[in-house]
Each structure stands twice: as C-alpha cells, then as structure tokens.
Amino acid sequence: MSQQDVETVRSAYDAFNRKDIPAVLASYDPQIEWIEAGGGRSPAGTFRGPQSVANDVFATVPQNFDDFRAEPEQFIDAGEHVVVVGRFRGKASSGANLDAPFVHVNRMRNGKVVAFQNFVEATSWARAWGS
C-alpha cells in the first residue's frame, strides 16, 4: 500500500465531515462492499456499490442527527488495508449525545476503497440511534 491510499481515506473523512458526499463516493470502487453492524435505528448489513452506501447508510444520518461527525484520530497503514481509529461525535435529533469510539477497516485496491467495515462501541452507538 502507498501513502496515497492513506491520503485517499483521510480525504474521504474530510469530505464526509463537510457533507461533500460526492467526493466521498469518488474514493470508493464501483463494487465496494460496506458492512455495518447496526444498533438502534442505524443501518445494518452489507451494502454494495457507492449508491447503496449513499442511499442506505449516509442518507440515514441527517434523518436521525442534527450534528454528526466521524473524527479520525489515527490512520494505520496495514498493507492492503487502511485502519482508522477515531470517534463518532454529534447530537441526535432526539437530543441524545453521541460519543462512540470506532475502528474502521478499509481494504484498498488500485487507489480505491473496495471494502469497508465499521466497528463501533455498541451501547453508545445504539443509544444515539434511538435504541
């Protein structure tokens, strides 16, 4: 893996936090496989392709949160993977605060994310999503 892969992933987080979803999707392979564990009303399961990620994962955020950020703290070059350690922070529409640590595993190929898995602290995540 190259430093370019780390920068691709870093740029996707920056774009997500400024709500530039087309820029985020541009970093994904057309066949991306995105895995969410779920909890509360959060998306759960495997989503395939950038449009599914946009429609079935990202679009649920503004429906449930007034403020939502994925704040990366560390990017780890792990061969064909970029591992991101950070925290989700925000305010749910219900008034619940979100502060949940996460680890994201991004598998890279040809400069694009081909697979993503969200590992997040379950109790805080589900509570913020209205469990």
N, C-alpha and C. Protein backbone atom coordinates (compact mmCIF):
# COMPACT_ATOMS: atom_id res chain seq x y z
N MET A 1 0.84 -1.18 0.00
CA MET A 1 0.00 0.00 0.00
C MET A 1 0.88 1.23 0.00
N SER A 2 0.35 2.28 -0.51
CA SER A 2 1.12 3.52 -0.59
C SER A 2 0.56 4.56 0.37
N GLN A 3 1.37 5.58 0.58
CA GLN A 3 0.91 6.73 1.35
C GLN A 3 -0.30 7.36 0.67
N GLN A 4 -0.40 7.19 -0.64
CA GLN A 4 -1.55 7.73 -1.38
C GLN A 4 -2.85 7.10 -0.90
N ASP A 5 -2.84 5.80 -0.55
CA ASP A 5 -4.06 5.15 -0.03
C ASP A 5 -4.48 5.79 1.28
N VAL A 6 -3.53 6.07 2.15
CA VAL A 6 -3.84 6.74 3.43
C VAL A 6 -4.45 8.11 3.14
N GLU A 7 -3.87 8.83 2.20
CA GLU A 7 -4.39 10.16 1.87
C GLU A 7 -5.78 10.09 1.24
N THR A 8 -6.04 9.07 0.45
CA THR A 8 -7.37 8.88 -0.13
C THR A 8 -8.41 8.71 0.97
N VAL A 9 -8.09 7.87 1.94
CA VAL A 9 -9.02 7.63 3.04
C VAL A 9 -9.16 8.88 3.90
N ARG A 10 -8.06 9.54 4.21
CA ARG A 10 -8.11 10.78 5.00
C ARG A 10 -8.99 11.83 4.31
N SER A 11 -8.83 11.97 3.01
CA SER A 11 -9.63 12.93 2.25
C SER A 11 -11.11 12.58 2.29
N ALA A 12 -11.44 11.29 2.28
CA ALA A 12 -12.84 10.87 2.35
C ALA A 12 -13.47 11.29 3.69
N TYR A 13 -12.73 11.15 4.78
CA TYR A 13 -13.26 11.59 6.08
C TYR A 13 -13.46 13.11 6.10
N ASP A 14 -12.50 13.83 5.56
CA ASP A 14 -12.63 15.29 5.50
C ASP A 14 -13.88 15.67 4.70
N ALA A 15 -14.08 15.01 3.56
CA ALA A 15 -15.24 15.30 2.72
C ALA A 15 -16.54 14.95 3.45
N PHE A 16 -16.57 13.81 4.12
CA PHE A 16 -17.77 13.40 4.85
C PHE A 16 -18.15 14.46 5.89
N ASN A 17 -17.16 14.92 6.63
CA ASN A 17 -17.43 15.88 7.71
C ASN A 17 -17.84 17.26 7.19
N ARG A 18 -17.55 17.55 5.94
CA ARG A 18 -18.04 18.82 5.36
C ARG A 18 -19.27 18.58 4.49
N LYS A 19 -19.80 17.34 4.57
CA LYS A 19 -21.03 16.93 3.88
C LYS A 19 -20.91 16.93 2.36
N ASP A 20 -19.71 16.66 1.86
CA ASP A 20 -19.46 16.56 0.42
C ASP A 20 -19.49 15.08 0.03
N ILE A 21 -20.71 14.52 0.00
CA ILE A 21 -20.86 13.09 -0.23
C ILE A 21 -20.36 12.66 -1.62
N PRO A 22 -20.55 13.44 -2.69
CA PRO A 22 -19.97 13.02 -3.98
C PRO A 22 -18.45 12.83 -3.90
N ALA A 23 -17.75 13.66 -3.15
CA ALA A 23 -16.30 13.50 -3.00
C ALA A 23 -15.97 12.22 -2.23
N VAL A 24 -16.78 11.89 -1.24
CA VAL A 24 -16.57 10.63 -0.50
C VAL A 24 -16.76 9.46 -1.45
N LEU A 25 -17.86 9.46 -2.18
CA LEU A 25 -18.17 8.33 -3.07
C LEU A 25 -17.11 8.15 -4.15
N ALA A 26 -16.45 9.22 -4.56
CA ALA A 26 -15.40 9.13 -5.58
C ALA A 26 -14.21 8.31 -5.11
N SER A 27 -14.06 8.14 -3.80
CA SER A 27 -12.93 7.35 -3.28
C SER A 27 -13.26 5.85 -3.23
N TYR A 28 -14.49 5.48 -3.58
CA TYR A 28 -14.93 4.09 -3.50
C TYR A 28 -14.89 3.40 -4.86
N ASP A 29 -14.49 2.15 -4.84
CA ASP A 29 -14.57 1.30 -6.02
C ASP A 29 -16.04 1.09 -6.37
N PRO A 30 -16.37 0.95 -7.65
CA PRO A 30 -17.77 0.73 -8.04
C PRO A 30 -18.40 -0.51 -7.40
N GLN A 31 -17.57 -1.45 -6.97
CA GLN A 31 -18.07 -2.69 -6.36
C GLN A 31 -17.85 -2.72 -4.84
N ILE A 32 -17.71 -1.56 -4.21
CA ILE A 32 -17.43 -1.53 -2.77
C ILE A 32 -18.44 -2.39 -2.00
N GLU A 33 -17.92 -3.07 -0.99
CA GLU A 33 -18.74 -3.83 -0.06
C GLU A 33 -18.60 -3.15 1.30
N TRP A 34 -19.69 -2.61 1.82
CA TRP A 34 -19.70 -1.79 3.04
C TRP A 34 -20.48 -2.55 4.10
N ILE A 35 -19.87 -2.81 5.26
CA ILE A 35 -20.52 -3.60 6.30
C ILE A 35 -20.76 -2.75 7.54
N GLU A 36 -22.01 -2.72 7.98
CA GLU A 36 -22.43 -2.02 9.19
C GLU A 36 -23.02 -3.03 10.17
N ALA A 37 -22.64 -2.92 11.44
CA ALA A 37 -23.13 -3.83 12.47
C ALA A 37 -24.55 -3.50 12.92
N GLY A 38 -24.95 -2.25 12.76
CA GLY A 38 -26.28 -1.84 13.21
C GLY A 38 -26.28 -1.46 14.68
N GLY A 39 -27.48 -1.26 15.20
CA GLY A 39 -27.69 -0.82 16.58
C GLY A 39 -28.66 0.34 16.58
N GLY A 40 -29.71 0.26 17.40
CA GLY A 40 -30.73 1.28 17.34
C GLY A 40 -31.37 1.27 15.96
N ARG A 41 -31.57 2.45 15.40
CA ARG A 41 -32.13 2.56 14.04
C ARG A 41 -31.03 2.71 12.99
N SER A 42 -29.78 2.46 13.36
CA SER A 42 -28.69 2.62 12.40
C SER A 42 -28.74 1.51 11.36
N PRO A 43 -28.20 1.77 10.18
CA PRO A 43 -28.17 0.75 9.13
C PRO A 43 -27.42 -0.49 9.60
N ALA A 44 -27.87 -1.64 9.14
CA ALA A 44 -27.22 -2.91 9.49
C ALA A 44 -27.15 -3.78 8.25
N GLY A 45 -26.04 -4.47 8.10
CA GLY A 45 -25.91 -5.40 7.00
C GLY A 45 -24.80 -5.01 6.05
N THR A 46 -24.84 -5.60 4.86
CA THR A 46 -23.85 -5.38 3.84
C THR A 46 -24.49 -4.60 2.69
N PHE A 47 -23.83 -3.53 2.31
CA PHE A 47 -24.31 -2.65 1.25
C PHE A 47 -23.28 -2.70 0.12
N ARG A 48 -23.77 -2.82 -1.11
CA ARG A 48 -22.86 -2.98 -2.24
C ARG A 48 -23.02 -1.84 -3.23
N GLY A 49 -21.89 -1.23 -3.54
CA GLY A 49 -21.86 -0.14 -4.51
C GLY A 49 -22.01 1.22 -3.84
N PRO A 50 -21.38 2.24 -4.41
CA PRO A 50 -21.42 3.59 -3.82
C PRO A 50 -22.84 4.14 -3.65
N GLN A 51 -23.74 3.86 -4.60
CA GLN A 51 -25.10 4.40 -4.46
C GLN A 51 -25.83 3.80 -3.28
N SER A 52 -25.62 2.52 -3.03
CA SER A 52 -26.23 1.90 -1.86
C SER A 52 -25.67 2.51 -0.57
N VAL A 53 -24.37 2.73 -0.54
CA VAL A 53 -23.77 3.38 0.63
C VAL A 53 -24.39 4.77 0.83
N ALA A 54 -24.52 5.53 -0.25
CA ALA A 54 -25.09 6.87 -0.16
C ALA A 54 -26.54 6.83 0.30
N ASN A 55 -27.34 5.96 -0.31
CA ASN A 55 -28.77 5.93 -0.05
C ASN A 55 -29.15 5.21 1.24
N ASP A 56 -28.46 4.10 1.53
CA ASP A 56 -28.86 3.24 2.63
C ASP A 56 -28.08 3.46 3.92
N VAL A 57 -26.94 4.14 3.82
CA VAL A 57 -26.13 4.41 5.02
C VAL A 57 -26.07 5.92 5.26
N PHE A 58 -25.43 6.65 4.35
CA PHE A 58 -25.22 8.08 4.58
C PHE A 58 -26.52 8.87 4.69
N ALA A 59 -27.52 8.54 3.89
CA ALA A 59 -28.78 9.31 3.90
C ALA A 59 -29.53 9.16 5.22
N THR A 60 -29.24 8.12 5.99
CA THR A 60 -29.93 7.94 7.27
C THR A 60 -29.40 8.87 8.35
N VAL A 61 -28.20 9.39 8.16
CA VAL A 61 -27.58 10.25 9.18
C VAL A 61 -28.39 11.52 9.41
N PRO A 62 -28.67 12.34 8.38
CA PRO A 62 -29.42 13.57 8.65
C PRO A 62 -30.87 13.31 9.09
N GLN A 63 -31.38 12.12 8.84
CA GLN A 63 -32.72 11.76 9.30
C GLN A 63 -32.74 11.56 10.81
N ASN A 64 -31.58 11.26 11.40
CA ASN A 64 -31.50 10.91 12.82
C ASN A 64 -30.63 11.83 13.65
N PHE A 65 -29.84 12.71 13.00
CA PHE A 65 -28.90 13.56 13.73
C PHE A 65 -28.97 15.00 13.24
N ASP A 66 -28.86 15.92 14.19
CA ASP A 66 -28.72 17.33 13.85
C ASP A 66 -27.25 17.66 13.62
N ASP A 67 -26.38 16.89 14.25
CA ASP A 67 -24.93 17.08 14.13
C ASP A 67 -24.30 15.70 14.20
N PHE A 68 -23.43 15.36 13.25
CA PHE A 68 -22.81 14.04 13.21
C PHE A 68 -21.46 14.18 12.54
N ARG A 69 -20.42 13.70 13.22
CA ARG A 69 -19.07 13.76 12.68
C ARG A 69 -18.35 12.43 12.94
N ALA A 70 -17.53 12.04 11.99
CA ALA A 70 -16.61 10.92 12.15
C ALA A 70 -15.23 11.56 12.29
N GLU A 71 -14.69 11.54 13.51
CA GLU A 71 -13.43 12.23 13.79
C GLU A 71 -12.28 11.23 13.89
N PRO A 72 -11.51 11.08 12.81
CA PRO A 72 -10.38 10.16 12.85
C PRO A 72 -9.27 10.70 13.75
N GLU A 73 -8.67 9.79 14.51
CA GLU A 73 -7.56 10.14 15.38
C GLU A 73 -6.24 9.53 14.91
N GLN A 74 -6.35 8.41 14.18
CA GLN A 74 -5.15 7.72 13.72
C GLN A 74 -5.46 6.96 12.44
N PHE A 75 -4.53 7.02 11.50
CA PHE A 75 -4.61 6.26 10.26
C PHE A 75 -3.44 5.27 10.29
N ILE A 76 -3.74 4.00 10.13
CA ILE A 76 -2.72 2.96 10.22
C ILE A 76 -2.58 2.28 8.87
N ASP A 77 -1.38 2.32 8.32
CA ASP A 77 -1.05 1.63 7.09
C ASP A 77 -0.85 0.16 7.45
N ALA A 78 -1.78 -0.69 7.00
CA ALA A 78 -1.72 -2.12 7.32
C ALA A 78 -1.73 -2.94 6.03
N GLY A 79 -0.75 -2.70 5.19
CA GLY A 79 -0.66 -3.45 3.94
C GLY A 79 -1.74 -3.01 2.97
N GLU A 80 -2.62 -3.96 2.60
CA GLU A 80 -3.69 -3.60 1.67
C GLU A 80 -4.86 -2.91 2.37
N HIS A 81 -4.72 -2.69 3.68
CA HIS A 81 -5.78 -2.04 4.46
C HIS A 81 -5.30 -0.71 5.02
N VAL A 82 -6.24 0.22 5.16
CA VAL A 82 -6.03 1.43 5.94
C VAL A 82 -7.00 1.32 7.11
N VAL A 83 -6.46 1.25 8.31
CA VAL A 83 -7.28 1.16 9.52
C VAL A 83 -7.37 2.55 10.14
N VAL A 84 -8.58 2.95 10.47
CA VAL A 84 -8.80 4.27 11.04
C VAL A 84 -9.39 4.11 12.44
N VAL A 85 -8.75 4.74 13.40
CA VAL A 85 -9.22 4.75 14.79
C VAL A 85 -9.72 6.15 15.07
N GLY A 86 -10.91 6.25 15.64
CA GLY A 86 -11.46 7.58 15.92
C GLY A 86 -12.70 7.52 16.77
N ARG A 87 -13.49 8.59 16.68
CA ARG A 87 -14.73 8.70 17.47
C ARG A 87 -15.82 9.29 16.59
N PHE A 88 -17.02 8.74 16.75
CA PHE A 88 -18.20 9.39 16.22
C PHE A 88 -18.67 10.36 17.29
N ARG A 89 -18.98 11.59 16.88
CA ARG A 89 -19.50 12.58 17.81
C ARG A 89 -20.66 13.30 17.17
N GLY A 90 -21.58 13.74 18.00
CA GLY A 90 -22.69 14.51 17.46
C GLY A 90 -23.84 14.58 18.42
N LYS A 91 -24.96 15.04 17.86
CA LYS A 91 -26.19 15.22 18.62
C LYS A 91 -27.33 14.63 17.81
N ALA A 92 -28.02 13.65 18.41
CA ALA A 92 -29.15 13.03 17.74
C ALA A 92 -30.34 13.96 17.75
N SER A 93 -31.24 13.78 16.82
CA SER A 93 -32.47 14.58 16.76
C SER A 93 -33.27 14.43 18.05
N SER A 94 -33.12 13.30 18.71
CA SER A 94 -33.83 13.04 19.99
C SER A 94 -33.22 13.83 21.14
N GLY A 95 -32.05 14.42 20.92
CA GLY A 95 -31.35 15.14 21.97
C GLY A 95 -30.21 14.35 22.59
N ALA A 96 -30.12 13.05 22.28
CA ALA A 96 -29.05 12.21 22.82
C ALA A 96 -27.70 12.63 22.23
N ASN A 97 -26.69 12.62 23.08
CA ASN A 97 -25.33 12.91 22.62
C ASN A 97 -24.69 11.63 22.10
N LEU A 98 -23.90 11.78 21.06
CA LEU A 98 -23.14 10.67 20.51
C LEU A 98 -21.67 10.92 20.76
N ASP A 99 -21.04 9.98 21.40
CA ASP A 99 -19.58 9.97 21.59
C ASP A 99 -19.19 8.50 21.69
N ALA A 100 -18.86 7.92 20.55
CA ALA A 100 -18.58 6.48 20.49
C ALA A 100 -17.29 6.22 19.72
N PRO A 101 -16.38 5.48 20.33
CA PRO A 101 -15.15 5.13 19.62
C PRO A 101 -15.43 4.15 18.48
N PHE A 102 -14.63 4.28 17.41
CA PHE A 102 -14.76 3.35 16.29
C PHE A 102 -13.39 2.93 15.79
N VAL A 103 -13.42 1.80 15.09
CA VAL A 103 -12.30 1.34 14.26
C VAL A 103 -12.92 1.01 12.91
N HIS A 104 -12.38 1.60 11.86
CA HIS A 104 -12.84 1.34 10.50
C HIS A 104 -11.73 0.65 9.74
N VAL A 105 -12.08 -0.41 9.06
CA VAL A 105 -11.12 -1.15 8.26
C VAL A 105 -11.49 -0.95 6.79
N ASN A 106 -10.59 -0.31 6.05
CA ASN A 106 -10.77 -0.03 4.63
C ASN A 106 -9.80 -0.91 3.84
N ARG A 107 -10.33 -1.78 2.98
CA ARG A 107 -9.44 -2.55 2.10
C ARG A 107 -9.32 -1.78 0.80
N MET A 108 -8.09 -1.63 0.34
CA MET A 108 -7.78 -0.80 -0.83
C MET A 108 -7.37 -1.65 -2.02
N ARG A 109 -7.71 -1.16 -3.21
CA ARG A 109 -7.22 -1.76 -4.45
C ARG A 109 -7.23 -0.67 -5.51
N ASN A 110 -6.10 -0.51 -6.18
CA ASN A 110 -5.96 0.47 -7.26
C ASN A 110 -6.38 1.88 -6.83
N GLY A 111 -6.03 2.24 -5.60
CA GLY A 111 -6.28 3.59 -5.12
C GLY A 111 -7.70 3.87 -4.66
N LYS A 112 -8.53 2.83 -4.59
CA LYS A 112 -9.93 2.99 -4.17
C LYS A 112 -10.24 2.06 -3.01
N VAL A 113 -11.25 2.44 -2.21
CA VAL A 113 -11.73 1.58 -1.14
C VAL A 113 -12.65 0.53 -1.76
N VAL A 114 -12.29 -0.75 -1.60
CA VAL A 114 -13.11 -1.83 -2.16
C VAL A 114 -13.95 -2.53 -1.10
N ALA A 115 -13.57 -2.35 0.17
CA ALA A 115 -14.34 -2.93 1.27
C ALA A 115 -14.15 -2.05 2.50
N PHE A 116 -15.22 -1.94 3.28
CA PHE A 116 -15.22 -1.11 4.49
C PHE A 116 -16.01 -1.84 5.56
N GLN A 117 -15.49 -1.82 6.79
CA GLN A 117 -16.25 -2.37 7.91
C GLN A 117 -16.16 -1.42 9.09
N ASN A 118 -17.34 -1.14 9.68
CA ASN A 118 -17.48 -0.24 10.81
C ASN A 118 -17.57 -1.04 12.09
N PHE A 119 -16.57 -0.91 12.96
CA PHE A 119 -16.60 -1.48 14.30
C PHE A 119 -16.76 -0.31 15.26
N VAL A 120 -17.86 -0.29 16.00
CA VAL A 120 -18.15 0.86 16.86
C VAL A 120 -18.64 0.35 18.21
N GLU A 121 -18.36 1.12 19.26
CA GLU A 121 -18.81 0.76 20.61
C GLU A 121 -20.34 0.70 20.61
N ALA A 122 -20.89 -0.48 20.86
CA ALA A 122 -22.29 -0.77 20.60
C ALA A 122 -23.28 0.00 21.46
N THR A 123 -23.04 0.13 22.74
CA THR A 123 -24.02 0.75 23.63
C THR A 123 -24.24 2.22 23.31
N SER A 124 -23.16 2.99 23.20
CA SER A 124 -23.27 4.42 22.88
C SER A 124 -23.88 4.62 21.50
N TRP A 125 -23.47 3.80 20.55
CA TRP A 125 -23.96 3.89 19.18
C TRP A 125 -25.47 3.66 19.14
N ALA A 126 -25.93 2.56 19.73
CA ALA A 126 -27.35 2.22 19.70
C ALA A 126 -28.18 3.28 20.44
N ARG A 127 -27.68 3.77 21.56
CA ARG A 127 -28.41 4.78 22.32
C ARG A 127 -28.63 6.04 21.47
N ALA A 128 -27.58 6.50 20.80
CA ALA A 128 -27.69 7.70 19.98
C ALA A 128 -28.63 7.49 18.79
N TRP A 129 -28.67 6.27 18.28
CA TRP A 129 -29.54 5.96 17.15
C TRP A 129 -30.95 5.61 17.60
N GLY A 130 -31.25 5.77 18.87
CA GLY A 130 -32.62 5.57 19.35
C GLY A 130 -32.99 4.14 19.62
N SER A 131 -32.14 3.43 20.35
CA SER A 131 -32.47 2.03 20.68
C SER A 131 -33.55 1.98 21.74
